[in-house]
C-alpha atoms as a PDB file:
ATOM      1  CA  MET A   1      85.877  79.133  57.999  1.00  0.00           C
ATOM      2  CA  ASP A   2      86.219  75.512  58.962  1.00  0.00           C
ATOM      3  CA  PHE A   3      85.167  74.959  62.570  1.00  0.00           C
ATOM      4  CA  PHE A   4      87.595  72.080  63.079  1.00  0.00           C
ATOM      5  CA  ASN A   5      90.615  73.865  61.641  1.00  0.00           C
ATOM      6  CA  PHE A   6      92.616  74.633  64.780  1.00  0.00           C
ATOM      7  CA  SER A   7      95.108  76.765  62.894  1.00  0.00           C
ATOM      8  CA  SER A   8      92.369  79.379  62.466  1.00  0.00           C
ATOM      9  CA  LEU A   9      91.544  79.325  66.203  1.00  0.00           C
ATOM     10  CA  ASN A  10      93.981  82.149  66.923  1.00  0.00           C
ATOM     11  CA  ASN A  11      92.379  84.221  64.177  1.00  0.00           C
ATOM     12  CA  GLU A  12      88.895  83.469  65.556  1.00  0.00           C
ATOM     13  CA  LEU A  13      89.959  84.511  69.066  1.00  0.00           C
ATOM     14  CA  ASN A  14      91.404  87.729  67.652  1.00  0.00           C
ATOM     15  CA  MET A  15      88.078  88.489  65.948  1.00  0.00           C
ATOM     16  CA  ALA A  16      86.159  87.673  69.143  1.00  0.00           C
ATOM     17  CA  LEU A  17      88.407  90.055  71.073  1.00  0.00           C
ATOM     18  CA  ARG A  18      87.665  92.775  68.535  1.00  0.00           C
ATOM     19  CA  LEU A  19      83.926  92.285  68.983  1.00  0.00           C
ATOM     20  CA  ILE A  20      84.284  92.469  72.777  1.00  0.00           C
ATOM     21  CA  VAL A  21      86.363  95.650  72.570  1.00  0.00           C
ATOM     22  CA  ALA A  22      83.784  97.201  70.216  1.00  0.00           C
ATOM     23  CA  TYR A  23      81.047  96.233  72.671  1.00  0.00           C
ATOM     24  CA  LEU A  24      82.825  97.959  75.549  1.00  0.00           C
ATOM     25  CA  LEU A  25      83.857 101.108  73.680  1.00  0.00           C
ATOM     26  CA  SER A  26      80.422 101.536  72.084  1.00  0.00           C
ATOM     27  CA  GLY A  27      78.885 101.014  75.499  1.00  0.00           C
ATOM     28  CA  ILE A  28      80.819 103.971  76.893  1.00  0.00           C
ATOM     29  CA  ILE A  29      79.307 106.300  74.320  1.00  0.00           C
ATOM     30  CA  GLY A  30      75.884 104.698  74.625  1.00  0.00           C
ATOM     31  CA  PHE A  31      75.915 104.924  78.419  1.00  0.00           C
ATOM     32  CA  GLU A  32      76.428 108.680  78.223  1.00  0.00           C
ATOM     33  CA  ARG A  33      73.514 109.009  75.780  1.00  0.00           C
ATOM     34  CA  GLU A  34      71.350 106.788  78.007  1.00  0.00           C
ATOM     35  CA  LYS A  35      72.233 108.857  81.065  1.00  0.00           C
ATOM     36  CA  ALA A  36      71.309 112.022  79.156  1.00  0.00           C
ATOM     37  CA  GLN A  37      67.947 110.321  78.378  1.00  0.00           C
ATOM     38  CA  ARG A  38      68.365 110.479  74.605  1.00  0.00           C
ATOM     39  CA  PRO A  39      66.356 108.274  72.233  1.00  0.00           C
ATOM     40  CA  ALA A  40      69.408 106.374  70.994  1.00  0.00           C
ATOM     41  CA  GLY A  41      70.980 105.056  74.155  1.00  0.00           C
ATOM     42  CA  LEU A  42      73.104 102.192  75.375  1.00  0.00           C
ATOM     43  CA  ARG A  43      71.607  99.365  73.331  1.00  0.00           C
ATOM     44  CA  THR A  44      71.510 101.322  70.070  1.00  0.00           C
ATOM     45  CA  HIS A  45      75.129 102.413  70.338  1.00  0.00           C
ATOM     46  CA  ILE A  46      76.339  98.937  71.274  1.00  0.00           C
ATOM     47  CA  LEU A  47      74.483  97.407  68.330  1.00  0.00           C
ATOM     48  CA  VAL A  48      75.875  99.999  65.916  1.00  0.00           C
ATOM     49  CA  GLY A  49      79.448  99.553  67.182  1.00  0.00           C
ATOM     50  CA  VAL A  50      79.422  95.769  67.241  1.00  0.00           C
ATOM     51  CA  GLY A  51      77.619  95.640  63.901  1.00  0.00           C
ATOM     52  CA  SER A  52      80.220  97.900  62.304  1.00  0.00           C
ATOM     53  CA  THR A  53      82.985  95.724  63.717  1.00  0.00           C
ATOM     54  CA  ALA A  54      81.292  92.596  62.392  1.00  0.00           C
ATOM     55  CA  PHE A  55      81.013  94.104  58.908  1.00  0.00           C
ATOM     56  CA  MET A  56      84.691  95.074  58.938  1.00  0.00           C
ATOM     57  CA  LEU A  57      85.643  91.565  60.081  1.00  0.00           C
ATOM     58  CA  ILE A  58      83.580  90.064  57.278  1.00  0.00           C
ATOM     59  CA  SER A  59      85.178  92.431  54.801  1.00  0.00           C
ATOM     60  CA  THR A  60      88.699  91.769  56.034  1.00  0.00           C
ATOM     61  CA  TYR A  61      88.619  88.029  56.798  1.00  0.00           C
ATOM     62  CA  GLY A  62      85.390  86.624  55.381  1.00  0.00           C
ATOM     63  CA  PHE A  63      86.555  86.092  51.818  1.00  0.00           C
ATOM     64  CA  ASP A  64      89.997  84.567  52.427  1.00  0.00           C
ATOM     65  CA  GLY A  65      90.709  81.598  50.199  1.00  0.00           C
ATOM     66  CA  LEU A  66      87.634  82.028  48.018  1.00  0.00           C
ATOM     67  CA  GLY A  67      89.595  83.226  45.010  1.00  0.00           C
ATOM     68  CA  THR A  68      88.137  86.701  45.179  1.00  0.00           C
ATOM     69  CA  VAL A  69      89.835  90.058  45.342  1.00  0.00           C
ATOM     70  CA  ARG A  70      88.829  91.654  48.582  1.00  0.00           C
ATOM     71  CA  ASP A  71      88.569  95.362  49.163  1.00  0.00           C
ATOM     72  CA  PRO A  72      87.672  96.196  52.779  1.00  0.00           C
ATOM     73  CA  ALA A  73      87.112  99.825  51.833  1.00  0.00           C
ATOM     74  CA  ARG A  74      84.047  98.957  49.760  1.00  0.00           C
ATOM     75  CA  LEU A  75      82.167  97.385  52.654  1.00  0.00           C
ATOM     76  CA  ALA A  76      83.342 100.181  54.959  1.00  0.00           C
ATOM     77  CA  ALA A  77      81.805 102.723  52.598  1.00  0.00           C
ATOM     78  CA  GLN A  78      78.509 100.838  52.719  1.00  0.00           C
ATOM     79  CA  VAL A  79      78.566 100.869  56.536  1.00  0.00           C
ATOM     80  CA  VAL A  80      78.984 104.646  56.471  1.00  0.00           C
ATOM     81  CA  THR A  81      76.065 104.971  54.044  1.00  0.00           C
ATOM     82  CA  GLY A  82      73.821 102.758  56.165  1.00  0.00           C
ATOM     83  CA  ILE A  83      74.662 104.652  59.326  1.00  0.00           C
ATOM     84  CA  GLY A  84      73.829 107.872  57.474  1.00  0.00           C
ATOM     85  CA  PHE A  85      70.287 106.587  56.986  1.00  0.00           C
ATOM     86  CA  ILE A  86      69.980 105.619  60.645  1.00  0.00           C
ATOM     87  CA  GLY A  87      71.320 109.017  61.680  1.00  0.00           C
ATOM     88  CA  ALA A  88      68.880 110.785  59.375  1.00  0.00           C
ATOM     89  CA  GLY A  89      66.067 108.994  61.173  1.00  0.00           C
ATOM     90  CA  ALA A  90      67.292 110.388  64.492  1.00  0.00           C
ATOM     91  CA  ILE A  91      67.059 114.005  63.288  1.00  0.00           C
ATOM     92  CA  TRP A  92      63.774 115.866  63.622  1.00  0.00           C
ATOM     93  CA  ARG A  93      62.644 119.338  62.604  1.00  0.00           C
ATOM     94  CA  SER A  94      59.783 121.513  63.766  1.00  0.00           C
ATOM     95  CA  ASP A  95      59.271 125.130  62.732  1.00  0.00           C
ATOM     96  CA  ALA A  96      62.552 126.864  63.601  1.00  0.00           C
ATOM     97  CA  ASN A  97      64.028 124.023  65.661  1.00  0.00           C
ATOM     98  CA  VAL A  98      66.182 121.095  64.615  1.00  0.00           C
ATOM     99  CA  GLY A  99      66.922 118.310  67.070  1.00  0.00           C
ATOM    100  CA  GLY A 100      68.660 114.990  67.215  1.00  0.00           C
ATOM    101  CA  LEU A 101      71.850 116.156  65.509  1.00  0.00           C
ATOM    102  CA  THR A 102      74.054 115.189  68.437  1.00  0.00           C
ATOM    103  CA  THR A 103      72.352 111.796  68.694  1.00  0.00           C
ATOM    104  CA  ALA A 104      72.892 111.228  64.959  1.00  0.00           C
ATOM    105  CA  ALA A 105      76.535 112.271  65.299  1.00  0.00           C
ATOM    106  CA  SER A 106      77.047 109.943  68.268  1.00  0.00           C
ATOM    107  CA  ILE A 107      75.644 107.027  66.245  1.00  0.00           C
ATOM    108  CA  TRP A 108      77.940 107.947  63.374  1.00  0.00           C
ATOM    109  CA  ILE A 109      81.068 108.132  65.545  1.00  0.00           C
ATOM    110  CA  THR A 110      80.119 104.852  67.248  1.00  0.00           C
ATOM    111  CA  ALA A 111      80.092 103.210  63.824  1.00  0.00           C
ATOM    112  CA  ALA A 112      83.547 104.670  63.171  1.00  0.00           C
ATOM    113  CA  VAL A 113      84.785 103.246  66.492  1.00  0.00           C
ATOM    114  CA  GLY A 114      83.407  99.843  65.530  1.00  0.00           C
ATOM    115  CA  MET A 115      85.090  99.997  62.140  1.00  0.00           C
ATOM    116  CA  MET A 116      88.430 100.953  63.726  1.00  0.00           C
ATOM    117  CA  VAL A 117      88.218  98.054  66.152  1.00  0.00           C
ATOM    118  CA  GLY A 118      87.271  95.770  63.265  1.00  0.00           C
ATOM    119  CA  VAL A 119      90.550  96.477  61.497  1.00  0.00           C
ATOM    120  CA  GLY A 120      92.590  96.276  64.714  1.00  0.00           C
ATOM    121  CA  MET A 121      93.081  99.984  65.478  1.00  0.00           C
ATOM    122  CA  TYR A 122      92.467  99.579  69.222  1.00  0.00           C
ATOM    123  CA  VAL A 123      94.372 102.637  70.426  1.00  0.00           C
ATOM    124  CA  MET A 124      92.742 104.942  67.907  1.00  0.00           C
ATOM    125  CA  ALA A 125      89.299 103.524  68.682  1.00  0.00           C
ATOM    126  CA  THR A 126      89.853 104.076  72.403  1.00  0.00           C
ATOM    127  CA  LEU A 127      91.044 107.634  71.813  1.00  0.00           C
ATOM    128  CA  VAL A 128      88.028 108.433  69.624  1.00  0.00           C
ATOM    129  CA  THR A 129      85.712 106.913  72.238  1.00  0.00           C
ATOM    130  CA  LEU A 130      87.197 109.069  74.978  1.00  0.00           C
ATOM    131  CA  MET A 131      86.998 112.157  72.791  1.00  0.00           C
ATOM    132  CA  ALA A 132      83.352 111.440  71.974  1.00  0.00           C
ATOM    133  CA  TRP A 133      82.502 110.789  75.621  1.00  0.00           C
ATOM    134  CA  PHE A 134      84.208 114.007  76.720  1.00  0.00           C
ATOM    135  CA  THR A 135      82.428 115.989  74.011  1.00  0.00           C
ATOM    136  CA  LEU A 136      79.010 114.548  74.831  1.00  0.00           C
ATOM    137  CA  ARG A 137      79.439 114.783  78.592  1.00  0.00           C
ATOM    138  CA  TRP A 138      81.230 118.074  79.135  1.00  0.00           C
ATOM    139  CA  LEU A 139      80.935 120.296  76.052  1.00  0.00           C
ATOM    140  CA  LYS A 140      77.306 121.233  76.335  1.00  0.00           C
ATOM    141  CA  PRO A 141      75.825 124.424  74.866  1.00  0.00           C
ATOM    142  CA  ALA A 142      76.008 127.411  77.202  1.00  0.00           C
ATOM    143  CA  ASN A 143      72.239 127.599  77.572  1.00  0.00           C
ATOM    144  CA  HIS A 144      72.184 124.040  78.971  1.00  0.00           C
ATOM    145  CA  ARG A 145      74.809 124.594  81.653  1.00  0.00           C
ATOM    146  CA  ARG A 146      73.468 124.913  85.151  1.00  0.00           C
ATOM    147  CA  VAL A 147      74.214 127.865  87.358  1.00  0.00           C
ATOM    148  CA  PRO A 148      74.534 126.635  90.918  1.00  0.00           C
ATOM    149  CA  ARG A 149      71.669 128.065  92.926  1.00  0.00           C
ATOM    150  CA  VAL A 150      71.388 128.265  96.685  1.00  0.00           C
ATOM    151  CA  LYS A 151      68.020 128.012  98.378  1.00  0.00           C
ATOM    152  CA  ASN A 152      66.970 130.972 100.456  1.00  0.00           C
ATOM    153  CA  LYS A 153      66.613 129.547 103.944  1.00  0.00           C
ATOM    154  CA  ARG A 154      63.787 131.832 104.973  1.00  0.00           C
ATOM    155  CA  TYR A 155      61.482 131.400 102.010  1.00  0.00           C
ATOM    156  CA  GLY A 156      62.607 128.128 100.390  1.00  0.00           C
ATOM    157  CA  GLU A 157      62.961 129.563  96.898  1.00  0.00           C
ATOM    158  CA  PRO A 158      66.243 129.705  94.972  1.00  0.00           C
ATOM    159  CA  SER A 159      68.196 132.882  95.439  1.00  0.00           C
ATOM    160  CA  LEU A 160      71.193 134.268  93.625  1.00  0.00           C
ATOM    161  CA  ILE A 161      71.395 137.238  95.970  1.00  0.00           C
ATOM    162  CA  ARG A 162      73.526 136.990  99.096  1.00  0.00           C
ATOM    163  CA  ASP A 163      71.731 137.575 102.362  1.00  0.00           C
ATOM    164  CA  ALA A 164      73.988 139.942 104.302  1.00  0.00           C
ATOM    165  CA  ASP A 165      72.272 139.157 107.609  1.00  0.00           C
ATOM    166  CA  ASP A 166      72.811 135.396 107.297  1.00  0.00           C
ATOM    167  CA  PRO A 167      76.411 134.320 108.147  1.00  0.00           C
ATOM    168  CA  ASP A 168      75.813 130.904 106.543  1.00  0.00           C
ATOM    169  CA  ASP A 169      74.868 132.362 103.142  1.00  0.00           C
ATOM    170  CA  PHE A 170      78.067 132.256 101.051  1.00  0.00           C
ATOM    171  CA  ASN A 171      76.402 132.768  97.683  1.00  0.00           C
END
């Protein structure tokens, strides 16, 4: 695009806004992963989201006026494939355990958010971001949920049994 063509300025500002929105929405997902101390955290998710948006912007606007037939779906499919490889690198296996699946899925959905923002689907991207954040933050496996424990005042160790002689023990 010609830098001195002021008629394309509005289009450039629109693309810049899309990159900023992708940065913010990807950051929400990445912040949750960072807070949960996962290997792919804030920076990784922001880079995946903004990168996906950039690829969609290139696919949608980058070939205007070049005499080519553009098909944004082709580049989108390549983004999905590339993110699949990154996600596969986040998954690990040892004996009977498999880990990193949620991290891989969060990277994958961050790429989808970036792609949605890249084509201007702001409301859908925001909704998907909120759904991902809620899922990552609140829908944890039952064995990871904490049972509130009250310390036994006499001995200092956690106790799940109510002390009948102590009026302050409401457990």
